[in-house]
Amino acid sequence: MNNYNIHYFSNDRNAVIQATSDQKTKPPGALGELEVLARQLARIQQTKRLEIARPVMLVFAADHGIAAHGVSIAAEVATAY
């Protein structure tokens, strides 16, 4: 059995993390939820600069039937597998 030592988030570095994000060459908040996620991960890592050693991207897709409602940019046949 694995034992994990889980710590509470510290809010002490929030201002430093936000300032680091705001210093990027972009308007503040321009990346939307991606910026929120980056700040959360930096808090988890307890660092000023977020580091992701082995990034992974997961893509989920399904036929959800939205094309039948006429609001899709492509016909249902375009995404058929």
Protein backbone atom coordinates (compact mmCIF):
# COMPACT_ATOMS: atom_id res chain seq x y z
CA MET A 1 0.00 0.00 0.00
CA ASN A 2 1.27 3.49 -0.84
CA ASN A 3 1.27 6.24 1.75
CA TYR A 4 0.91 9.80 0.50
CA ASN A 5 1.65 13.00 2.34
CA ILE A 6 -0.81 15.58 0.99
CA HIS A 7 -0.30 19.22 1.94
CA TYR A 8 -2.81 22.08 1.88
CA PHE A 9 -2.35 24.80 -0.72
CA SER A 10 -0.45 27.81 0.49
CA ASN A 11 -1.78 31.18 -0.61
CA ASP A 12 1.50 32.89 0.31
CA ARG A 13 2.81 32.82 -3.27
CA ASN A 14 -0.38 33.85 -5.09
CA ALA A 15 0.78 37.42 -5.73
CA VAL A 16 4.17 36.24 -7.04
CA ILE A 17 2.54 33.62 -9.29
CA GLN A 18 0.06 36.20 -10.64
CA ALA A 19 2.83 38.74 -11.26
CA THR A 20 4.83 36.13 -13.18
CA SER A 21 1.80 35.43 -15.39
CA ASP A 22 1.11 39.13 -15.93
CA GLN A 23 4.71 39.79 -17.07
CA LYS A 24 4.30 37.57 -20.14
CA THR A 25 4.05 39.22 -23.56
CA LYS A 26 0.26 39.11 -23.75
CA PRO A 27 -2.64 41.04 -22.32
CA PRO A 28 -3.42 39.90 -18.75
CA GLY A 29 -6.04 37.15 -18.84
CA ALA A 30 -5.74 36.65 -22.61
CA LEU A 31 -5.30 32.90 -22.25
CA GLY A 32 -8.47 32.55 -20.18
CA GLU A 33 -8.87 29.26 -18.33
CA LEU A 34 -5.37 28.16 -19.34
CA GLU A 35 -3.96 30.91 -17.10
CA VAL A 36 -6.19 29.80 -14.23
CA LEU A 37 -4.97 26.22 -14.66
CA ALA A 38 -1.32 27.33 -14.80
CA ARG A 39 -1.71 29.31 -11.55
CA GLN A 40 -3.36 26.33 -9.84
CA LEU A 41 -0.55 24.01 -10.94
CA ALA A 42 2.09 26.51 -9.76
CA ARG A 43 0.38 26.58 -6.35
CA ILE A 44 0.40 22.77 -6.23
CA GLN A 45 4.10 22.71 -7.15
CA GLN A 46 4.76 25.58 -4.72
CA THR A 47 6.90 27.34 -7.32
CA LYS A 48 6.99 30.73 -9.01
CA ARG A 49 7.42 29.18 -12.45
CA LEU A 50 5.30 26.23 -13.50
CA GLU A 51 7.27 23.21 -14.69
CA ILE A 52 5.80 20.24 -16.53
CA ALA A 53 8.46 17.59 -17.12
CA ARG A 54 6.50 15.13 -19.26
CA PRO A 55 3.43 16.82 -20.78
CA VAL A 56 0.66 14.62 -22.13
CA MET A 57 -2.35 15.57 -24.22
CA LEU A 58 -5.54 13.56 -24.10
CA VAL A 59 -8.15 14.02 -26.82
CA PHE A 60 -11.66 12.70 -26.34
CA ALA A 61 -14.17 12.60 -29.18
CA ALA A 62 -17.63 11.19 -29.65
CA ASP A 63 -20.64 11.37 -31.88
CA HIS A 64 -22.83 13.47 -29.64
CA GLY A 65 -25.49 14.12 -32.25
CA ILE A 66 -25.07 17.90 -32.38
CA ALA A 67 -25.02 17.89 -36.20
CA ALA A 68 -28.64 16.71 -36.16
CA HIS A 69 -29.60 20.07 -34.61
CA GLY A 70 -28.07 22.08 -37.46
CA VAL A 71 -25.51 23.89 -35.32
CA SER A 72 -22.36 22.02 -36.35
CA ILE A 73 -19.89 23.45 -38.88
CA ALA A 74 -19.74 20.10 -40.66
CA ALA A 75 -22.18 17.38 -41.58
CA GLU A 76 -22.26 14.29 -39.39
CA VAL A 77 -20.66 12.28 -42.20
CA ALA A 78 -17.53 14.49 -41.97
CA THR A 79 -16.69 13.14 -38.54
CA ALA A 80 -17.82 9.56 -39.01
CA TYR A 81 -15.23 6.93 -38.32
